[in-house]
Amino acid sequence: MGNAGQANYAAAKAGLLGMTRSLAREVGSRNITVNAIAPGFIATDMTDALDDNQREALTAQTPLQRLGEPEDIAAAVCFLASAGGSYITGETLNVNGGLLMS
């Protein structure tokens, strides 16, 4: 769901998801998969700048009650690039600790 003042972000995200699906159709016949990762709140320099109240507000929205780690995103990318992900294409994998359900 979009937030007020973030129409540009929402449009860019929707564009990336549409591009993922379009590219998956275009190159699927060549046995190439195309997927997207949609990360939730990840521990980065940006989230390190948050104060305790802001950090608590973010984690309270997430069923796993924590920020993700960069390694969580890397593991998802590795899975999609592995033989285990070879029949997955045109998908968006939400790596967000359950935030999408909230």
N, C-alpha and C. Protein backbone atom coordinates (compact mmCIF):
# COMPACT_ATOMS: atom_id res chain seq x y z
N MET A 1 0.85 -1.17 0.00
CA MET A 1 0.00 0.00 0.00
C MET A 1 0.90 1.23 0.00
N GLY A 2 0.53 2.21 -0.78
CA GLY A 2 1.31 3.44 -0.86
C GLY A 2 1.09 4.34 0.35
N ASN A 3 2.05 5.18 0.59
CA ASN A 3 1.96 6.16 1.66
C ASN A 3 1.87 7.55 1.05
N ALA A 4 1.20 8.45 1.74
CA ALA A 4 1.10 9.83 1.27
C ALA A 4 2.50 10.40 1.08
N GLY A 5 2.69 11.11 -0.02
CA GLY A 5 3.98 11.72 -0.30
C GLY A 5 4.99 10.78 -0.93
N GLN A 6 4.58 9.55 -1.23
CA GLN A 6 5.52 8.59 -1.81
C GLN A 6 5.02 8.00 -3.13
N ALA A 7 4.31 8.81 -3.89
CA ALA A 7 3.80 8.34 -5.18
C ALA A 7 4.94 7.91 -6.09
N ASN A 8 6.04 8.64 -6.05
CA ASN A 8 7.19 8.28 -6.89
C ASN A 8 7.74 6.91 -6.52
N TYR A 9 7.82 6.61 -5.24
CA TYR A 9 8.31 5.31 -4.78
C TYR A 9 7.35 4.20 -5.20
N ALA A 10 6.06 4.42 -5.00
CA ALA A 10 5.06 3.41 -5.35
C ALA A 10 5.07 3.14 -6.85
N ALA A 11 5.19 4.18 -7.65
CA ALA A 11 5.21 4.01 -9.11
C ALA A 11 6.47 3.26 -9.55
N ALA A 12 7.60 3.59 -8.95
CA ALA A 12 8.84 2.90 -9.31
C ALA A 12 8.78 1.43 -8.94
N LYS A 13 8.25 1.13 -7.76
CA LYS A 13 8.14 -0.26 -7.32
C LYS A 13 7.20 -1.04 -8.24
N ALA A 14 6.06 -0.47 -8.57
CA ALA A 14 5.12 -1.13 -9.47
C ALA A 14 5.76 -1.36 -10.84
N GLY A 15 6.54 -0.40 -11.29
CA GLY A 15 7.24 -0.55 -12.56
C GLY A 15 8.23 -1.71 -12.54
N LEU A 16 8.96 -1.85 -11.45
CA LEU A 16 9.92 -2.95 -11.34
C LEU A 16 9.22 -4.30 -11.32
N LEU A 17 8.09 -4.38 -10.64
CA LEU A 17 7.35 -5.65 -10.58
C LEU A 17 6.80 -6.00 -11.96
N GLY A 18 6.28 -5.00 -12.67
CA GLY A 18 5.80 -5.24 -14.03
C GLY A 18 6.93 -5.63 -14.98
N MET A 19 8.07 -4.97 -14.84
CA MET A 19 9.21 -5.29 -15.68
C MET A 19 9.69 -6.72 -15.41
N THR A 20 9.67 -7.13 -14.15
CA THR A 20 10.07 -8.50 -13.80
C THR A 20 9.20 -9.51 -14.54
N ARG A 21 7.91 -9.30 -14.52
CA ARG A 21 6.99 -10.23 -15.19
C ARG A 21 7.17 -10.20 -16.71
N SER A 22 7.30 -9.00 -17.25
CA SER A 22 7.48 -8.89 -18.71
C SER A 22 8.76 -9.57 -19.18
N LEU A 23 9.85 -9.31 -18.46
CA LEU A 23 11.12 -9.94 -18.84
C LEU A 23 11.07 -11.45 -18.69
N ALA A 24 10.37 -11.93 -17.65
CA ALA A 24 10.24 -13.38 -17.47
C ALA A 24 9.57 -14.01 -18.67
N ARG A 25 8.54 -13.35 -19.20
CA ARG A 25 7.86 -13.87 -20.40
C ARG A 25 8.77 -13.79 -21.63
N GLU A 26 9.51 -12.71 -21.74
CA GLU A 26 10.37 -12.51 -22.92
C GLU A 26 11.48 -13.53 -23.01
N VAL A 27 12.10 -13.87 -21.90
CA VAL A 27 13.30 -14.71 -21.96
C VAL A 27 13.07 -16.13 -21.45
N GLY A 28 11.86 -16.44 -21.02
CA GLY A 28 11.56 -17.77 -20.51
C GLY A 28 11.82 -18.88 -21.52
N SER A 29 11.55 -18.61 -22.79
CA SER A 29 11.76 -19.63 -23.83
C SER A 29 13.23 -20.01 -23.97
N ARG A 30 14.11 -19.18 -23.43
CA ARG A 30 15.55 -19.47 -23.45
C ARG A 30 16.04 -20.05 -22.13
N ASN A 31 15.07 -20.48 -21.31
CA ASN A 31 15.36 -21.09 -20.01
C ASN A 31 16.07 -20.12 -19.06
N ILE A 32 15.71 -18.84 -19.16
CA ILE A 32 16.24 -17.81 -18.28
C ILE A 32 15.12 -17.41 -17.34
N THR A 33 15.42 -17.36 -16.05
CA THR A 33 14.43 -16.94 -15.07
C THR A 33 14.68 -15.49 -14.66
N VAL A 34 13.61 -14.79 -14.35
CA VAL A 34 13.68 -13.40 -13.90
C VAL A 34 12.76 -13.26 -12.70
N ASN A 35 13.31 -12.82 -11.59
CA ASN A 35 12.53 -12.65 -10.37
C ASN A 35 12.96 -11.37 -9.67
N ALA A 36 12.17 -10.95 -8.71
CA ALA A 36 12.48 -9.75 -7.92
C ALA A 36 12.47 -10.12 -6.45
N ILE A 37 13.26 -9.40 -5.68
CA ILE A 37 13.26 -9.52 -4.22
C ILE A 37 12.68 -8.22 -3.68
N ALA A 38 11.71 -8.33 -2.78
CA ALA A 38 11.12 -7.16 -2.13
C ALA A 38 11.49 -7.23 -0.64
N PRO A 39 12.56 -6.55 -0.25
CA PRO A 39 12.98 -6.63 1.14
C PRO A 39 12.11 -5.78 2.06
N GLY A 40 12.03 -6.21 3.29
CA GLY A 40 11.39 -5.40 4.32
C GLY A 40 12.43 -4.49 4.95
N PHE A 41 12.29 -4.24 6.23
CA PHE A 41 13.25 -3.40 6.94
C PHE A 41 14.50 -4.21 7.22
N ILE A 42 15.62 -3.78 6.65
CA ILE A 42 16.89 -4.50 6.74
C ILE A 42 17.88 -3.64 7.52
N ALA A 43 18.68 -4.29 8.36
CA ALA A 43 19.71 -3.59 9.13
C ALA A 43 20.79 -3.09 8.16
N THR A 44 20.81 -1.78 7.96
CA THR A 44 21.77 -1.13 7.07
C THR A 44 22.21 0.17 7.73
N ASP A 45 23.08 0.90 7.06
CA ASP A 45 23.47 2.22 7.58
C ASP A 45 22.25 3.11 7.75
N MET A 46 21.27 2.98 6.85
CA MET A 46 20.07 3.81 6.94
C MET A 46 19.28 3.49 8.22
N THR A 47 19.08 2.21 8.52
CA THR A 47 18.32 1.87 9.73
C THR A 47 19.17 2.06 10.99
N ASP A 48 20.49 2.03 10.86
CA ASP A 48 21.35 2.31 12.01
C ASP A 48 21.17 3.74 12.50
N ALA A 49 20.75 4.63 11.60
CA ALA A 49 20.56 6.04 11.97
C ALA A 49 19.26 6.28 12.74
N LEU A 50 18.40 5.28 12.83
CA LEU A 50 17.13 5.44 13.55
C LEU A 50 17.36 5.47 15.06
N ASP A 51 16.53 6.22 15.76
CA ASP A 51 16.62 6.18 17.21
C ASP A 51 15.84 4.95 17.72
N ASP A 52 15.94 4.69 19.01
CA ASP A 52 15.31 3.49 19.59
C ASP A 52 13.81 3.45 19.37
N ASN A 53 13.15 4.61 19.49
CA ASN A 53 11.69 4.64 19.29
C ASN A 53 11.32 4.30 17.85
N GLN A 54 12.06 4.84 16.91
CA GLN A 54 11.79 4.55 15.50
C GLN A 54 12.03 3.07 15.19
N ARG A 55 13.12 2.54 15.73
CA ARG A 55 13.45 1.12 15.50
C ARG A 55 12.37 0.22 16.11
N GLU A 56 11.91 0.55 17.31
CA GLU A 56 10.85 -0.23 17.95
C GLU A 56 9.56 -0.17 17.15
N ALA A 57 9.24 0.98 16.58
CA ALA A 57 8.03 1.12 15.76
C ALA A 57 8.11 0.23 14.52
N LEU A 58 9.28 0.14 13.92
CA LEU A 58 9.45 -0.72 12.74
C LEU A 58 9.31 -2.19 13.12
N THR A 59 10.01 -2.59 14.16
CA THR A 59 9.98 -4.01 14.53
C THR A 59 8.61 -4.42 15.06
N ALA A 60 7.86 -3.50 15.64
CA ALA A 60 6.52 -3.82 16.13
C ALA A 60 5.57 -4.17 14.98
N GLN A 61 5.84 -3.66 13.79
CA GLN A 61 5.01 -3.94 12.61
C GLN A 61 5.33 -5.29 11.98
N THR A 62 6.44 -5.87 12.38
CA THR A 62 6.95 -7.08 11.73
C THR A 62 6.70 -8.29 12.62
N PRO A 63 5.96 -9.31 12.15
CA PRO A 63 5.68 -10.47 12.97
C PRO A 63 6.92 -11.13 13.59
N LEU A 64 8.05 -11.13 12.90
CA LEU A 64 9.26 -11.72 13.48
C LEU A 64 9.95 -10.79 14.48
N GLN A 65 9.43 -9.57 14.65
CA GLN A 65 9.87 -8.64 15.68
C GLN A 65 11.36 -8.29 15.63
N ARG A 66 11.89 -8.20 14.41
CA ARG A 66 13.29 -7.80 14.25
C ARG A 66 13.50 -7.25 12.85
N LEU A 67 14.60 -6.55 12.70
CA LEU A 67 15.01 -6.14 11.36
C LEU A 67 15.67 -7.34 10.68
N GLY A 68 15.56 -7.39 9.37
CA GLY A 68 16.27 -8.41 8.63
C GLY A 68 17.74 -8.06 8.53
N GLU A 69 18.52 -9.03 8.15
CA GLU A 69 19.95 -8.84 7.95
C GLU A 69 20.24 -8.91 6.44
N PRO A 70 21.30 -8.24 6.00
CA PRO A 70 21.66 -8.35 4.58
C PRO A 70 21.80 -9.81 4.13
N GLU A 71 22.24 -10.66 5.03
CA GLU A 71 22.39 -12.08 4.71
C GLU A 71 21.05 -12.74 4.39
N ASP A 72 19.95 -12.23 4.96
CA ASP A 72 18.62 -12.76 4.64
C ASP A 72 18.29 -12.52 3.17
N ILE A 73 18.65 -11.36 2.68
CA ILE A 73 18.41 -11.03 1.28
C ILE A 73 19.34 -11.86 0.39
N ALA A 74 20.60 -11.95 0.79
CA ALA A 74 21.57 -12.74 0.01
C ALA A 74 21.13 -14.19 -0.11
N ALA A 75 20.60 -14.76 0.97
CA ALA A 75 20.15 -16.16 0.94
C ALA A 75 18.99 -16.34 -0.05
N ALA A 76 18.09 -15.37 -0.10
CA ALA A 76 16.97 -15.44 -1.05
C ALA A 76 17.47 -15.37 -2.49
N VAL A 77 18.42 -14.49 -2.74
CA VAL A 77 19.00 -14.37 -4.08
C VAL A 77 19.70 -15.67 -4.47
N CYS A 78 20.47 -16.23 -3.54
CA CYS A 78 21.17 -17.49 -3.82
C CYS A 78 20.19 -18.61 -4.12
N PHE A 79 19.09 -18.67 -3.38
CA PHE A 79 18.08 -19.69 -3.65
C PHE A 79 17.51 -19.53 -5.05
N LEU A 80 17.09 -18.32 -5.40
CA LEU A 80 16.50 -18.11 -6.72
C LEU A 80 17.49 -18.40 -7.85
N ALA A 81 18.77 -18.19 -7.59
CA ALA A 81 19.79 -18.44 -8.61
C ALA A 81 20.24 -19.91 -8.63
N SER A 82 19.80 -20.70 -7.67
CA SER A 82 20.22 -22.10 -7.58
C SER A 82 19.30 -23.01 -8.39
N ALA A 83 19.66 -24.28 -8.44
CA ALA A 83 18.81 -25.27 -9.10
C ALA A 83 17.44 -25.34 -8.43
N GLY A 84 17.38 -25.08 -7.13
CA GLY A 84 16.10 -25.10 -6.42
C GLY A 84 15.13 -24.04 -6.90
N GLY A 85 15.64 -22.98 -7.49
CA GLY A 85 14.78 -21.91 -8.01
C GLY A 85 14.60 -21.95 -9.51
N SER A 86 15.00 -23.04 -10.14
CA SER A 86 15.02 -23.09 -11.60
C SER A 86 13.64 -23.10 -12.25
N TYR A 87 12.59 -23.37 -11.49
CA TYR A 87 11.23 -23.37 -12.05
C TYR A 87 10.41 -22.22 -11.48
N ILE A 88 11.09 -21.21 -11.00
CA ILE A 88 10.44 -20.02 -10.46
C ILE A 88 10.82 -18.85 -11.36
N THR A 89 9.83 -18.21 -11.94
CA THR A 89 10.10 -17.04 -12.78
C THR A 89 8.91 -16.09 -12.76
N GLY A 90 9.20 -14.81 -12.90
CA GLY A 90 8.16 -13.79 -12.91
C GLY A 90 7.59 -13.51 -11.53
N GLU A 91 8.28 -13.92 -10.50
CA GLU A 91 7.78 -13.79 -9.13
C GLU A 91 8.50 -12.69 -8.36
N THR A 92 7.82 -12.20 -7.34
CA THR A 92 8.43 -11.28 -6.38
C THR A 92 8.47 -12.00 -5.05
N LEU A 93 9.66 -12.21 -4.53
CA LEU A 93 9.84 -12.87 -3.24
C LEU A 93 9.94 -11.80 -2.16
N ASN A 94 8.96 -11.79 -1.27
CA ASN A 94 8.95 -10.83 -0.17
C ASN A 94 9.77 -11.39 0.98
N VAL A 95 10.88 -10.73 1.28
CA VAL A 95 11.76 -11.13 2.37
C VAL A 95 11.64 -10.04 3.42
N ASN A 96 10.62 -10.18 4.28
CA ASN A 96 10.27 -9.05 5.14
C ASN A 96 9.82 -9.45 6.54
N GLY A 97 10.13 -10.64 6.98
CA GLY A 97 9.77 -11.04 8.33
C GLY A 97 8.28 -11.10 8.58
N GLY A 98 7.50 -11.18 7.52
CA GLY A 98 6.04 -11.23 7.65
C GLY A 98 5.37 -9.87 7.60
N LEU A 99 6.12 -8.82 7.32
CA LEU A 99 5.57 -7.46 7.30
C LEU A 99 4.38 -7.34 6.36
N LEU A 100 4.43 -8.01 5.23
CA LEU A 100 3.35 -7.91 4.24
C LEU A 100 2.01 -8.37 4.82
N MET A 101 2.04 -9.26 5.81
CA MET A 101 0.80 -9.75 6.42
C MET A 101 0.20 -8.75 7.40
N SER A 102 1.03 -7.85 7.89
CA SER A 102 0.60 -6.91 8.94
C SER A 102 -0.40 -5.90 8.44
